[in-house]
Amino acid sequence: MTVQYIRCLSGENVIADVVEESADTLTLRNAIISQMMNEQQLGFSPWAPLQDPDVNEITIPKSVVIFITDAAPQIVEQYQQMFSTIISPTKNLIL
């Protein structure tokens, strides 16, 4: 899973698993957008809420992308909890 933060020309902050990249397009799986819930909390919702729920990938042109970078570790962890079937701890446990 390659979870990336994608900033679009439209201003949307997209978090998604980038499954394929070509010269002109990106194919994203389980794309979500962040929304400010209040001054201290982020919420997430599907990027394409009207997309067929059985289809979890979307291909977009790179021309709508401002940048792609690694997402913050806590965002990646939350994303993985939302979409992974197996959840592994990311923090070391003290025994």
Protein backbone atom coordinates (compact mmCIF):
# COMPACT_ATOMS: atom_id res chain seq x y z
CA MET A 1 0.00 0.00 0.00
CA THR A 2 1.47 3.35 -1.10
CA VAL A 3 -0.60 5.96 0.72
CA GLN A 4 0.05 9.41 -0.72
CA TYR A 5 -1.19 12.96 -0.14
CA ILE A 6 -2.31 14.53 -3.42
CA ARG A 7 -3.14 18.23 -3.69
CA CYS A 8 -5.42 19.00 -6.66
CA LEU A 9 -5.82 22.23 -8.61
CA SER A 10 -9.37 22.38 -7.25
CA GLY A 11 -7.93 22.72 -3.73
CA GLU A 12 -8.93 19.24 -2.61
CA ASN A 13 -6.58 17.35 -0.30
CA VAL A 14 -6.80 13.73 -1.39
CA ILE A 15 -5.39 10.74 0.50
CA ALA A 16 -5.23 7.56 -1.57
CA ASP A 17 -3.34 4.39 -2.32
CA VAL A 18 -1.52 5.12 -5.60
CA VAL A 19 -1.68 1.81 -7.44
CA GLU A 20 -0.41 2.89 -10.85
CA GLU A 21 1.34 5.88 -12.34
CA SER A 22 1.91 6.62 -16.01
CA ALA A 23 3.33 9.67 -17.75
CA ASP A 24 -0.12 11.30 -17.87
CA THR A 25 -2.33 9.61 -15.26
CA LEU A 26 -2.57 8.33 -11.70
CA THR A 27 -4.73 5.40 -10.67
CA LEU A 28 -5.92 5.73 -7.10
CA ARG A 29 -7.57 3.20 -4.81
CA ASN A 30 -9.88 4.17 -1.93
CA ALA A 31 -9.45 7.91 -2.46
CA ILE A 32 -10.71 10.11 0.37
CA ILE A 33 -10.64 13.84 1.00
CA SER A 34 -9.96 15.64 4.22
CA GLN A 35 -12.37 18.18 5.65
CA MET A 36 -11.96 20.39 8.68
CA MET A 37 -14.58 19.38 11.25
CA ASN A 38 -13.59 22.18 13.64
CA GLU A 39 -10.39 24.05 14.42
CA GLN A 40 -8.64 20.94 15.75
CA GLN A 41 -10.19 17.94 13.96
CA LEU A 42 -9.99 16.55 10.45
CA GLY A 43 -12.72 14.37 9.01
CA PHE A 44 -12.58 12.19 5.92
CA SER A 45 -15.12 11.40 3.25
CA PRO A 46 -15.05 9.57 -0.09
CA TRP A 47 -13.55 11.65 -2.89
CA ALA A 48 -16.07 10.38 -5.44
CA PRO A 49 -19.19 9.71 -3.34
CA LEU A 50 -21.38 8.93 -6.37
CA GLN A 51 -18.96 6.32 -7.74
CA ASP A 52 -20.21 2.73 -7.92
CA PRO A 53 -19.38 1.29 -4.46
CA ASP A 54 -18.10 -1.91 -6.09
CA VAL A 55 -15.41 0.11 -7.91
CA ASN A 56 -12.65 1.27 -5.60
CA GLU A 57 -10.19 2.66 -8.16
CA ILE A 58 -10.26 5.89 -10.14
CA THR A 59 -7.86 7.18 -12.79
CA ILE A 60 -7.18 10.90 -12.95
CA PRO A 61 -5.04 13.03 -15.28
CA LYS A 62 -1.84 14.38 -13.74
CA SER A 63 -2.76 17.76 -15.18
CA VAL A 64 -5.20 18.28 -12.26
CA VAL A 65 -2.50 17.59 -9.65
CA ILE A 66 -0.40 20.31 -7.99
CA PHE A 67 1.80 17.91 -6.01
CA ILE A 68 2.08 14.39 -4.62
CA THR A 69 3.94 13.65 -1.40
CA ASP A 70 4.02 11.27 1.53
CA ALA A 71 1.15 11.75 3.94
CA ALA A 72 1.81 12.45 7.62
CA PRO A 73 2.37 9.22 9.58
CA GLN A 74 -0.78 9.65 11.69
CA ILE A 75 -2.85 10.16 8.52
CA VAL A 76 -1.37 7.00 6.96
CA GLU A 77 -2.16 5.05 10.13
CA GLN A 78 -5.76 6.26 10.16
CA TYR A 79 -6.13 5.53 6.43
CA GLN A 80 -4.80 1.99 6.93
CA GLN A 81 -7.25 1.45 9.78
CA MET A 82 -10.08 2.53 7.48
CA PHE A 83 -9.16 0.29 4.53
CA SER A 84 -6.90 -2.55 5.71
CA THR A 85 -8.30 -5.88 6.74
CA ILE A 86 -5.31 -6.44 9.03
CA ILE A 87 -4.29 -3.71 11.45
CA SER A 88 -0.78 -3.81 12.81
CA PRO A 89 0.47 -1.50 15.55
CA THR A 90 2.87 1.21 14.41
CA LYS A 91 4.11 2.21 17.84
CA ASN A 92 6.48 0.16 19.97
CA LEU A 93 4.86 -1.32 23.03
CA ILE A 94 6.58 -1.19 26.39
CA LEU A 95 6.34 -4.51 28.20
